[in-house]
Amino acid sequence: MIGNLKPLEIVLIIAVILLLFGAKKLPDMARSLGKSARILKSEAKAMKKDDAEPAGPTTETAADTAPQAAPARTIQAAPGDVSSARPVSEAKPTTQN
């Protein structure tokens, strides 16, 4: 499809896009598209990693399992954005008398 376009037609298409969206909005659109692509890529990688992990034993009894500490929770700026994730301390419940 793109191989059939002549250089003049490509320039005309780019000019129409610039007129429709304006030069100021194009960098923001490209930035958000790149961020979305990074999020999609990291989510796909996380799904592959989850699928690759072997499942644990399915026949466990209460005596076999020792109490484990809860894993640390993290806050992420965007879904799949692991570069800005930071640990969060859990709020402890307070009792009021």
PDB file of N, CA and C in Angstrom:
ATOM      1  N   MET A   1       0.830  -1.192   0.000  1.00  0.00           N
ATOM      2  CA  MET A   1       0.000   0.000   0.000  1.00  0.00           C
ATOM      3  C   MET A   1       0.871   1.250   0.000  1.00  0.00           C
ATOM      4  N   ILE A   2       1.831   1.315   0.927  1.00  0.00           N
ATOM      5  CA  ILE A   2       2.672   2.511   1.014  1.00  0.00           C
ATOM      6  C   ILE A   2       3.627   2.582  -0.166  1.00  0.00           C
ATOM      7  N   GLY A   3       3.967   1.456  -0.749  1.00  0.00           N
ATOM      8  CA  GLY A   3       4.884   1.447  -1.881  1.00  0.00           C
ATOM      9  C   GLY A   3       4.296   2.118  -3.110  1.00  0.00           C
ATOM     10  N   ASN A   4       2.979   2.238  -3.157  1.00  0.00           N
ATOM     11  CA  ASN A   4       2.322   2.849  -4.308  1.00  0.00           C
ATOM     12  C   ASN A   4       2.244   4.365  -4.210  1.00  0.00           C
ATOM     13  N   LEU A   5       2.551   4.940  -3.037  1.00  0.00           N
ATOM     14  CA  LEU A   5       2.468   6.389  -2.861  1.00  0.00           C
ATOM     15  C   LEU A   5       3.712   7.062  -3.428  1.00  0.00           C
ATOM     16  N   LYS A   6       3.470   8.161  -4.107  1.00  0.00           N
ATOM     17  CA  LYS A   6       4.574   8.960  -4.639  1.00  0.00           C
ATOM     18  C   LYS A   6       5.004   9.964  -3.577  1.00  0.00           C
ATOM     19  N   PRO A   7       6.223  10.485  -3.665  1.00  0.00           N
ATOM     20  CA  PRO A   7       6.707  11.441  -2.654  1.00  0.00           C
ATOM     21  C   PRO A   7       5.796  12.661  -2.497  1.00  0.00           C
ATOM     22  N   LEU A   8       5.247  13.153  -3.584  1.00  0.00           N
ATOM     23  CA  LEU A   8       4.356  14.312  -3.501  1.00  0.00           C
ATOM     24  C   LEU A   8       3.098  13.966  -2.705  1.00  0.00           C
ATOM     25  N   GLU A   9       2.582  12.772  -2.866  1.00  0.00           N
ATOM     26  CA  GLU A   9       1.394  12.362  -2.122  1.00  0.00           C
ATOM     27  C   GLU A   9       1.689  12.227  -0.633  1.00  0.00           C
ATOM     28  N   ILE A  10       2.864  11.726  -0.294  1.00  0.00           N
ATOM     29  CA  ILE A  10       3.254  11.606   1.114  1.00  0.00           C
ATOM     30  C   ILE A  10       3.368  12.981   1.747  1.00  0.00           C
ATOM     31  N   VAL A  11       3.985  13.931   1.055  1.00  0.00           N
ATOM     32  CA  VAL A  11       4.117  15.302   1.559  1.00  0.00           C
ATOM     33  C   VAL A  11       2.734  15.919   1.742  1.00  0.00           C
ATOM     34  N   LEU A  12       1.836  15.677   0.819  1.00  0.00           N
ATOM     35  CA  LEU A  12       0.479  16.209   0.910  1.00  0.00           C
ATOM     36  C   LEU A  12      -0.254  15.628   2.127  1.00  0.00           C
ATOM     37  N   ILE A  13      -0.095  14.360   2.382  1.00  0.00           N
ATOM     38  CA  ILE A  13      -0.726  13.722   3.545  1.00  0.00           C
ATOM     39  C   ILE A  13      -0.172  14.315   4.840  1.00  0.00           C
ATOM     40  N   ILE A  14       1.133  14.506   4.905  1.00  0.00           N
ATOM     41  CA  ILE A  14       1.756  15.096   6.098  1.00  0.00           C
ATOM     42  C   ILE A  14       1.264  16.520   6.308  1.00  0.00           C
ATOM     43  N   ALA A  15       1.121  17.289   5.227  1.00  0.00           N
ATOM     44  CA  ALA A  15       0.622  18.663   5.323  1.00  0.00           C
ATOM     45  C   ALA A  15      -0.807  18.687   5.846  1.00  0.00           C
ATOM     46  N   VAL A  16      -1.645  17.767   5.393  1.00  0.00           N
ATOM     47  CA  VAL A  16      -3.028  17.707   5.865  1.00  0.00           C
ATOM     48  C   VAL A  16      -3.075  17.362   7.343  1.00  0.00           C
ATOM     49  N   ILE A  17      -2.229  16.435   7.767  1.00  0.00           N
ATOM     50  CA  ILE A  17      -2.172  16.068   9.188  1.00  0.00           C
ATOM     51  C   ILE A  17      -1.756  17.269  10.023  1.00  0.00           C
ATOM     52  N   LEU A  18      -0.751  18.022   9.556  1.00  0.00           N
ATOM     53  CA  LEU A  18      -0.315  19.219  10.284  1.00  0.00           C
ATOM     54  C   LEU A  18      -1.426  20.254  10.374  1.00  0.00           C
ATOM     55  N   LEU A  19      -2.177  20.412   9.295  1.00  0.00           N
ATOM     56  CA  LEU A  19      -3.277  21.375   9.312  1.00  0.00           C
ATOM     57  C   LEU A  19      -4.398  20.928  10.250  1.00  0.00           C
ATOM     58  N   LEU A  20      -4.694  19.651  10.278  1.00  0.00           N
ATOM     59  CA  LEU A  20      -5.778  19.156  11.116  1.00  0.00           C
ATOM     60  C   LEU A  20      -5.446  19.214  12.602  1.00  0.00           C
ATOM     61  N   PHE A  21      -4.259  18.772  12.968  1.00  0.00           N
ATOM     62  CA  PHE A  21      -3.925  18.664  14.381  1.00  0.00           C
ATOM     63  C   PHE A  21      -3.099  19.836  14.901  1.00  0.00           C
ATOM     64  N   GLY A  22      -2.461  20.557  14.061  1.00  0.00           N
ATOM     65  CA  GLY A  22      -1.632  21.664  14.504  1.00  0.00           C
ATOM     66  C   GLY A  22      -0.260  21.200  14.957  1.00  0.00           C
ATOM     67  N   ALA A  23       0.721  22.052  14.808  1.00  0.00           N
ATOM     68  CA  ALA A  23       2.109  21.699  15.132  1.00  0.00           C
ATOM     69  C   ALA A  23       2.316  21.547  16.638  1.00  0.00           C
ATOM     70  N   LYS A  24       1.505  22.220  17.459  1.00  0.00           N
ATOM     71  CA  LYS A  24       1.701  22.157  18.906  1.00  0.00           C
ATOM     72  C   LYS A  24       1.228  20.834  19.492  1.00  0.00           C
ATOM     73  N   LYS A  25       0.207  20.240  18.924  1.00  0.00           N
ATOM     74  CA  LYS A  25      -0.349  19.009  19.493  1.00  0.00           C
ATOM     75  C   LYS A  25       0.389  17.763  19.041  1.00  0.00           C
ATOM     76  N   LEU A  26       1.097  17.808  17.943  1.00  0.00           N
ATOM     77  CA  LEU A  26       1.759  16.618  17.423  1.00  0.00           C
ATOM     78  C   LEU A  26       2.816  16.041  18.369  1.00  0.00           C
ATOM     79  N   PRO A  27       3.686  16.861  18.991  1.00  0.00           N
ATOM     80  CA  PRO A  27       4.652  16.268  19.933  1.00  0.00           C
ATOM     81  C   PRO A  27       3.969  15.598  21.124  1.00  0.00           C
ATOM     82  N   ASP A  28       2.898  16.206  21.630  1.00  0.00           N
ATOM     83  CA  ASP A  28       2.175  15.594  22.743  1.00  0.00           C
ATOM     84  C   ASP A  28       1.541  14.276  22.325  1.00  0.00           C
ATOM     85  N   MET A  29       1.001  14.240  21.124  1.00  0.00           N
ATOM     86  CA  MET A  29       0.399  13.006  20.627  1.00  0.00           C
ATOM     87  C   MET A  29       1.457  11.919  20.455  1.00  0.00           C
ATOM     88  N   ALA A  30       2.609  12.283  19.939  1.00  0.00           N
ATOM     89  CA  ALA A  30       3.689  11.314  19.749  1.00  0.00           C
ATOM     90  C   ALA A  30       4.201  10.812  21.102  1.00  0.00           C
ATOM     91  N   ARG A  31       4.292  11.710  22.070  1.00  0.00           N
ATOM     92  CA  ARG A  31       4.748  11.333  23.405  1.00  0.00           C
ATOM     93  C   ARG A  31       3.767  10.360  24.053  1.00  0.00           C
ATOM     94  N   SER A  32       2.484  10.645  23.965  1.00  0.00           N
ATOM     95  CA  SER A  32       1.499   9.749  24.570  1.00  0.00           C
ATOM     96  C   SER A  32       1.447   8.412  23.838  1.00  0.00           C
ATOM     97  N   LEU A  33       1.646   8.431  22.530  1.00  0.00           N
ATOM     98  CA  LEU A  33       1.688   7.179  21.774  1.00  0.00           C
ATOM     99  C   LEU A  33       2.896   6.333  22.196  1.00  0.00           C
ATOM    100  N   GLY A  34       4.040   6.974  22.387  1.00  0.00           N
ATOM    101  CA  GLY A  34       5.233   6.256  22.843  1.00  0.00           C
ATOM    102  C   GLY A  34       5.054   5.686  24.235  1.00  0.00           C
ATOM    103  N   LYS A  35       4.430   6.464  25.127  1.00  0.00           N
ATOM    104  CA  LYS A  35       4.187   5.991  26.486  1.00  0.00           C
ATOM    105  C   LYS A  35       3.231   4.802  26.470  1.00  0.00           C
ATOM    106  N   SER A  36       2.210   4.878  25.646  1.00  0.00           N
ATOM    107  CA  SER A  36       1.266   3.767  25.531  1.00  0.00           C
ATOM    108  C   SER A  36       1.958   2.516  24.997  1.00  0.00           C
ATOM    109  N   ALA A  37       2.850   2.693  24.041  1.00  0.00           N
ATOM    110  CA  ALA A  37       3.583   1.554  23.488  1.00  0.00           C
ATOM    111  C   ALA A  37       4.486   0.922  24.543  1.00  0.00           C
ATOM    112  N   ARG A  38       5.149   1.751  25.369  1.00  0.00           N
ATOM    113  CA  ARG A  38       6.000   1.222  26.434  1.00  0.00           C
ATOM    114  C   ARG A  38       5.178   0.452  27.465  1.00  0.00           C
ATOM    115  N   ILE A  39       4.007   0.987  27.817  1.00  0.00           N
ATOM    116  CA  ILE A  39       3.137   0.318  28.783  1.00  0.00           C
ATOM    117  C   ILE A  39       2.673  -1.018  28.221  1.00  0.00           C
ATOM    118  N   LEU A  40       2.257  -1.027  26.961  1.00  0.00           N
ATOM    119  CA  LEU A  40       1.809  -2.261  26.327  1.00  0.00           C
ATOM    120  C   LEU A  40       2.929  -3.293  26.293  1.00  0.00           C
ATOM    121  N   LYS A  41       4.131  -2.851  25.970  1.00  0.00           N
ATOM    122  CA  LYS A  41       5.273  -3.760  25.901  1.00  0.00           C
ATOM    123  C   LYS A  41       5.587  -4.346  27.272  1.00  0.00           C
ATOM    124  N   SER A  42       5.576  -3.515  28.316  1.00  0.00           N
ATOM    125  CA  SER A  42       5.887  -4.017  29.650  1.00  0.00           C
ATOM    126  C   SER A  42       4.788  -4.941  30.169  1.00  0.00           C
ATOM    127  N   GLU A  43       3.530  -4.657  29.838  1.00  0.00           N
ATOM    128  CA  GLU A  43       2.439  -5.538  30.245  1.00  0.00           C
ATOM    129  C   GLU A  43       2.545  -6.887  29.545  1.00  0.00           C
ATOM    130  N   ALA A  44       2.887  -6.879  28.265  1.00  0.00           N
ATOM    131  CA  ALA A  44       3.043  -8.130  27.522  1.00  0.00           C
ATOM    132  C   ALA A  44       4.204  -8.941  28.091  1.00  0.00           C
ATOM    133  N   LYS A  45       5.284  -8.248  28.464  1.00  0.00           N
ATOM    134  CA  LYS A  45       6.435  -8.932  29.050  1.00  0.00           C
ATOM    135  C   LYS A  45       6.063  -9.526  30.407  1.00  0.00           C
ATOM    136  N   ALA A  46       5.272  -8.796  31.195  1.00  0.00           N
ATOM    137  CA  ALA A  46       4.846  -9.293  32.503  1.00  0.00           C
ATOM    138  C   ALA A  46       3.926 -10.498  32.357  1.00  0.00           C
ATOM    139  N   MET A  47       3.066 -10.487  31.352  1.00  0.00           N
ATOM    140  CA  MET A  47       2.180 -11.628  31.120  1.00  0.00           C
ATOM    141  C   MET A  47       2.980 -12.861  30.718  1.00  0.00           C
ATOM    142  N   LYS A  48       3.998 -12.682  29.879  1.00  0.00           N
ATOM    143  CA  LYS A  48       4.846 -13.806  29.489  1.00  0.00           C
ATOM    144  C   LYS A  48       5.590 -14.349  30.698  1.00  0.00           C
ATOM    145  N   LYS A  49       6.056 -13.452  31.570  1.00  0.00           N
ATOM    146  CA  LYS A  49       6.775 -13.865  32.765  1.00  0.00           C
ATOM    147  C   LYS A  49       5.845 -14.641  33.693  1.00  0.00           C
ATOM    148  N   ASP A  50       4.597 -14.184  33.844  1.00  0.00           N
ATOM    149  CA  ASP A  50       3.634 -14.888  34.688  1.00  0.00           C
ATOM    150  C   ASP A  50       3.318 -16.270  34.134  1.00  0.00           C
ATOM    151  N   ASP A  51       3.217 -16.375  32.814  1.00  0.00           N
ATOM    152  CA  ASP A  51       2.928 -17.665  32.200  1.00  0.00           C
ATOM    153  C   ASP A  51       4.104 -18.623  32.323  1.00  0.00           C
ATOM    154  N   ALA A  52       5.320 -18.106  32.350  1.00  0.00           N
ATOM    155  CA  ALA A  52       6.512 -18.942  32.390  1.00  0.00           C
ATOM    156  C   ALA A  52       6.777 -19.509  33.781  1.00  0.00           C
ATOM    157  N   GLU A  53       6.271 -18.845  34.830  1.00  0.00           N
ATOM    158  CA  GLU A  53       6.505 -19.317  36.190  1.00  0.00           C
ATOM    159  C   GLU A  53       5.749 -20.616  36.412  1.00  0.00           C
ATOM    160  N   PRO A  54       6.409 -21.625  36.971  1.00  0.00           N
ATOM    161  CA  PRO A  54       5.717 -22.894  37.223  1.00  0.00           C
ATOM    162  C   PRO A  54       4.703 -22.738  38.351  1.00  0.00           C
ATOM    163  N   ALA A  55       3.620 -23.451  38.239  1.00  0.00           N
ATOM    164  CA  ALA A  55       2.595 -23.413  39.277  1.00  0.00           C
ATOM    165  C   ALA A  55       3.093 -24.173  40.494  1.00  0.00           C
ATOM    166  N   GLY A  56       2.736 -23.682  41.667  1.00  0.00           N
ATOM    167  CA  GLY A  56       3.151 -24.327  42.910  1.00  0.00           C
ATOM    168  C   GLY A  56       2.358 -25.606  43.134  1.00  0.00           C
ATOM    169  N   PRO A  57       2.680 -26.340  44.194  1.00  0.00           N
ATOM    170  CA  PRO A  57       1.956 -27.572  44.481  1.00  0.00           C
ATOM    171  C   PRO A  57       0.484 -27.268  44.767  1.00  0.00           C
ATOM    172  N   THR A  58      -0.376 -28.097  44.239  1.00  0.00           N
ATOM    173  CA  THR A  58      -1.810 -27.844  44.388  1.00  0.00           C
ATOM    174  C   THR A  58      -2.398 -28.580  45.583  1.00  0.00           C
ATOM    175  N   THR A  59      -1.712 -29.558  46.126  1.00  0.00           N
ATOM    176  CA  THR A  59      -2.237 -30.314  47.264  1.00  0.00           C
ATOM    177  C   THR A  59      -1.481 -29.931  48.518  1.00  0.00           C
ATOM    178  N   GLU A  60      -1.845 -28.792  49.097  1.00  0.00           N
ATOM    179  CA  GLU A  60      -1.222 -28.324  50.325  1.00  0.00           C
ATOM    180  C   GLU A  60      -2.214 -28.450  51.463  1.00  0.00           C
ATOM    181  N   THR A  61      -1.704 -28.738  52.632  1.00  0.00           N
ATOM    182  CA  THR A  61      -2.558 -28.753  53.810  1.00  0.00           C
ATOM    183  C   THR A  61      -2.205 -27.562  54.675  1.00  0.00           C
ATOM    184  N   ALA A  62      -3.039 -27.275  55.632  1.00  0.00           N
ATOM    185  CA  ALA A  62      -2.803 -26.125  56.497  1.00  0.00           C
ATOM    186  C   ALA A  62      -1.541 -26.307  57.322  1.00  0.00           C
ATOM    187  N   ALA A  63      -1.202 -27.544  57.669  1.00  0.00           N
ATOM    188  CA  ALA A  63       0.001 -27.800  58.465  1.00  0.00           C
ATOM    189  C   ALA A  63       1.269 -27.624  57.644  1.00  0.00           C
ATOM    190  N   ASP A  64       1.170 -27.866  56.325  1.00  0.00           N
ATOM    191  CA  ASP A  64       2.342 -27.757  55.458  1.00  0.00           C
ATOM    192  C   ASP A  64       2.726 -26.310  55.172  1.00  0.00           C
ATOM    193  N   THR A  65       1.779 -25.432  55.205  1.00  0.00           N
ATOM    194  CA  THR A  65       2.063 -24.042  54.839  1.00  0.00           C
ATOM    195  C   THR A  65       2.369 -23.245  56.092  1.00  0.00           C
ATOM    196  N   ALA A  66       3.517 -22.606  56.084  1.00  0.00           N
ATOM    197  CA  ALA A  66       3.906 -21.749  57.196  1.00  0.00           C
ATOM    198  C   ALA A  66       3.428 -20.339  56.884  1.00  0.00           C
ATOM    199  N   PRO A  67       3.096 -19.557  57.904  1.00  0.00           N
ATOM    200  CA  PRO A  67       2.672 -18.173  57.637  1.00  0.00           C
ATOM    201  C   PRO A  67       3.807 -17.399  56.984  1.00  0.00           C
ATOM    202  N   GLN A  68       3.477 -16.701  55.939  1.00  0.00           N
ATOM    203  CA  GLN A  68       4.479 -15.927  55.206  1.00  0.00           C
ATOM    204  C   GLN A  68       4.162 -14.448  55.331  1.00  0.00           C
ATOM    205  N   ALA A  69       5.205 -13.645  55.263  1.00  0.00           N
ATOM    206  CA  ALA A  69       5.015 -12.205  55.299  1.00  0.00           C
ATOM    207  C   ALA A  69       4.418 -11.751  53.974  1.00  0.00           C
ATOM    208  N   ALA A  70       3.531 -10.786  54.051  1.00  0.00           N
ATOM    209  CA  ALA A  70       2.905 -10.268  52.833  1.00  0.00           C
ATOM    210  C   ALA A  70       3.954  -9.544  51.995  1.00  0.00           C
ATOM    211  N   PRO A  71       3.920  -9.711  50.675  1.00  0.00           N
ATOM    212  CA  PRO A  71       4.891  -9.005  49.836  1.00  0.00           C
ATOM    213  C   PRO A  71       4.660  -7.493  49.894  1.00  0.00           C
ATOM    214  N   ALA A  72       5.723  -6.752  49.723  1.00  0.00           N
ATOM    215  CA  ALA A  72       5.626  -5.301  49.762  1.00  0.00           C
ATOM    216  C   ALA A  72       4.811  -4.810  48.585  1.00  0.00           C
ATOM    217  N   ARG A  73       3.915  -3.879  48.836  1.00  0.00           N
ATOM    218  CA  ARG A  73       3.104  -3.306  47.769  1.00  0.00           C
ATOM    219  C   ARG A  73       3.857  -2.137  47.155  1.00  0.00           C
ATOM    220  N   THR A  74       3.588  -1.890  45.886  1.00  0.00           N
ATOM    221  CA  THR A  74       4.245  -0.775  45.205  1.00  0.00           C
ATOM    222  C   THR A  74       3.214   0.100  44.527  1.00  0.00           C
ATOM    223  N   ILE A  75       3.569   1.343  44.353  1.00  0.00           N
ATOM    224  CA  ILE A  75       2.751   2.292  43.611  1.00  0.00           C
ATOM    225  C   ILE A  75       3.443   2.522  42.276  1.00  0.00           C
ATOM    226  N   GLN A  76       2.667   2.506  41.193  1.00  0.00           N
ATOM    227  CA  GLN A  76       3.210   2.742  39.865  1.00  0.00           C
ATOM    228  C   GLN A  76       2.536   3.971  39.272  1.00  0.00           C
ATOM    229  N   ALA A  77       3.282   4.741  38.506  1.00  0.00           N
ATOM    230  CA  ALA A  77       2.724   5.930  37.877  1.00  0.00           C
ATOM    231  C   ALA A  77       1.701   5.566  36.818  1.00  0.00           C
ATOM    232  N   ALA A  78       1.934   4.487  36.122  1.00  0.00           N
ATOM    233  CA  ALA A  78       1.016   4.015  35.094  1.00  0.00           C
ATOM    234  C   ALA A  78       1.058   2.502  35.091  1.00  0.00           C
ATOM    235  N   PRO A  79      -0.004   1.860  34.639  1.00  0.00           N
ATOM    236  CA  PRO A  79       0.020   0.398  34.601  1.00  0.00           C
ATOM    237  C   PRO A  79       1.200  -0.109  33.778  1.00  0.00           C
ATOM    238  N   GLY A  80       1.978  -0.977  34.370  1.00  0.00           N
ATOM    239  CA  GLY A  80       3.123  -1.543  33.682  1.00  0.00           C
ATOM    240  C   GLY A  80       4.382  -0.708  33.765  1.00  0.00           C
ATOM    241  N   ASP A  81       4.303   0.483  34.332  1.00  0.00           N
ATOM    242  CA  ASP A  81       5.472   1.355  34.432  1.00  0.00           C
ATOM    243  C   ASP A  81       6.266   0.963  35.664  1.00  0.00           C
ATOM    244  N   VAL A  82       7.224   0.060  35.494  1.00  0.00           N
ATOM    245  CA  VAL A  82       7.995  -0.433  36.627  1.00  0.00           C
ATOM    246  C   VAL A  82       9.188   0.455  36.953  1.00  0.00           C
ATOM    247  N   SER A  83       9.527   1.372  36.074  1.00  0.00           N
ATOM    248  CA  SER A  83      10.696   2.209  36.326  1.00  0.00           C
ATOM    249  C   SER A  83      10.430   3.234  37.426  1.00  0.00           C
ATOM    250  N   SER A  84       9.174   3.626  37.613  1.00  0.00           N
ATOM    251  CA  SER A  84       8.873   4.622  38.638  1.00  0.00           C
ATOM    252  C   SER A  84       8.168   4.009  39.843  1.00  0.00           C
ATOM    253  N   ALA A  85       8.137   2.683  39.937  1.00  0.00           N
ATOM    254  CA  ALA A  85       7.477   2.032  41.062  1.00  0.00           C
ATOM    255  C   ALA A  85       8.276   2.259  42.334  1.00  0.00           C
ATOM    256  N   ARG A  86       7.559   2.466  43.419  1.00  0.00           N
ATOM    257  CA  ARG A  86       8.219   2.641  44.702  1.00  0.00           C
ATOM    258  C   ARG A  86       7.410   1.912  45.771  1.00  0.00           C
ATOM    259  N   PRO A  87       8.087   1.367  46.805  1.00  0.00           N
ATOM    260  CA  PRO A  87       7.382   0.609  47.839  1.00  0.00           C
ATOM    261  C   PRO A  87       6.498   1.508  48.691  1.00  0.00           C
ATOM    262  N   VAL A  88       5.440   0.923  49.201  1.00  0.00           N
ATOM    263  CA  VAL A  88       4.489   1.642  50.036  1.00  0.00           C
ATOM    264  C   VAL A  88       4.385   0.920  51.363  1.00  0.00           C
ATOM    265  N   SER A  89       4.444   1.672  52.441  1.00  0.00           N
ATOM    266  CA  SER A  89       4.262   1.036  53.743  1.00  0.00           C
ATOM    267  C   SER A  89       2.769   0.999  54.045  1.00  0.00           C
ATOM    268  N   GLU A  90       2.327  -0.121  54.591  1.00  0.00           N
ATOM    269  CA  GLU A  90       0.913  -0.295  54.908  1.00  0.00           C
ATOM    270  C   GLU A  90       0.557   0.512  56.143  1.00  0.00           C
ATOM    271  N   ALA A  91      -0.623   1.076  56.133  1.00  0.00           N
ATOM    272  CA  ALA A  91      -1.107   1.812  57.309  1.00  0.00           C
ATOM    273  C   ALA A  91      -1.547   0.798  58.356  1.00  0.00           C
ATOM    274  N   LYS A  92      -1.138   1.005  59.569  1.00  0.00           N
ATOM    275  CA  LYS A  92      -1.509   0.096  60.653  1.00  0.00           C
ATOM    276  C   LYS A  92      -2.826   0.558  61.242  1.00  0.00           C
ATOM    277  N   PRO A  93      -3.744  -0.362  61.469  1.00  0.00           N
ATOM    278  CA  PRO A  93      -5.021   0.046  62.046  1.00  0.00           C
ATOM    279  C   PRO A  93      -4.836   0.533  63.491  1.00  0.00           C
ATOM    280  N   THR A  94      -5.518   1.571  63.819  1.00  0.00           N
ATOM    281  CA  THR A  94      -5.438   2.126  65.171  1.00  0.00           C
ATOM    282  C   THR A  94      -6.738   1.841  65.881  1.00  0.00           C
ATOM    283  N   THR A  95      -6.646   1.627  67.157  1.00  0.00           N
ATOM    284  CA  THR A  95      -7.841   1.400  67.944  1.00  0.00           C
ATOM    285  C   THR A  95      -8.078   2.617  68.809  1.00  0.00           C
ATOM    286  N   GLN A  96      -9.316   3.033  68.829  1.00  0.00           N
ATOM    287  CA  GLN A  96      -9.672   4.185  69.653  1.00  0.00           C
ATOM    288  C   GLN A  96     -10.594   3.716  70.758  1.00  0.00           C
ATOM    289  N   ASN A  97     -10.273   4.107  71.992  1.00  0.00           N
ATOM    290  CA  ASN A  97     -11.101   3.690  73.140  1.00  0.00           C
ATOM    291  C   ASN A  97     -11.970   4.822  73.579  1.00  0.00           C
TER     292      ASN A  97
END
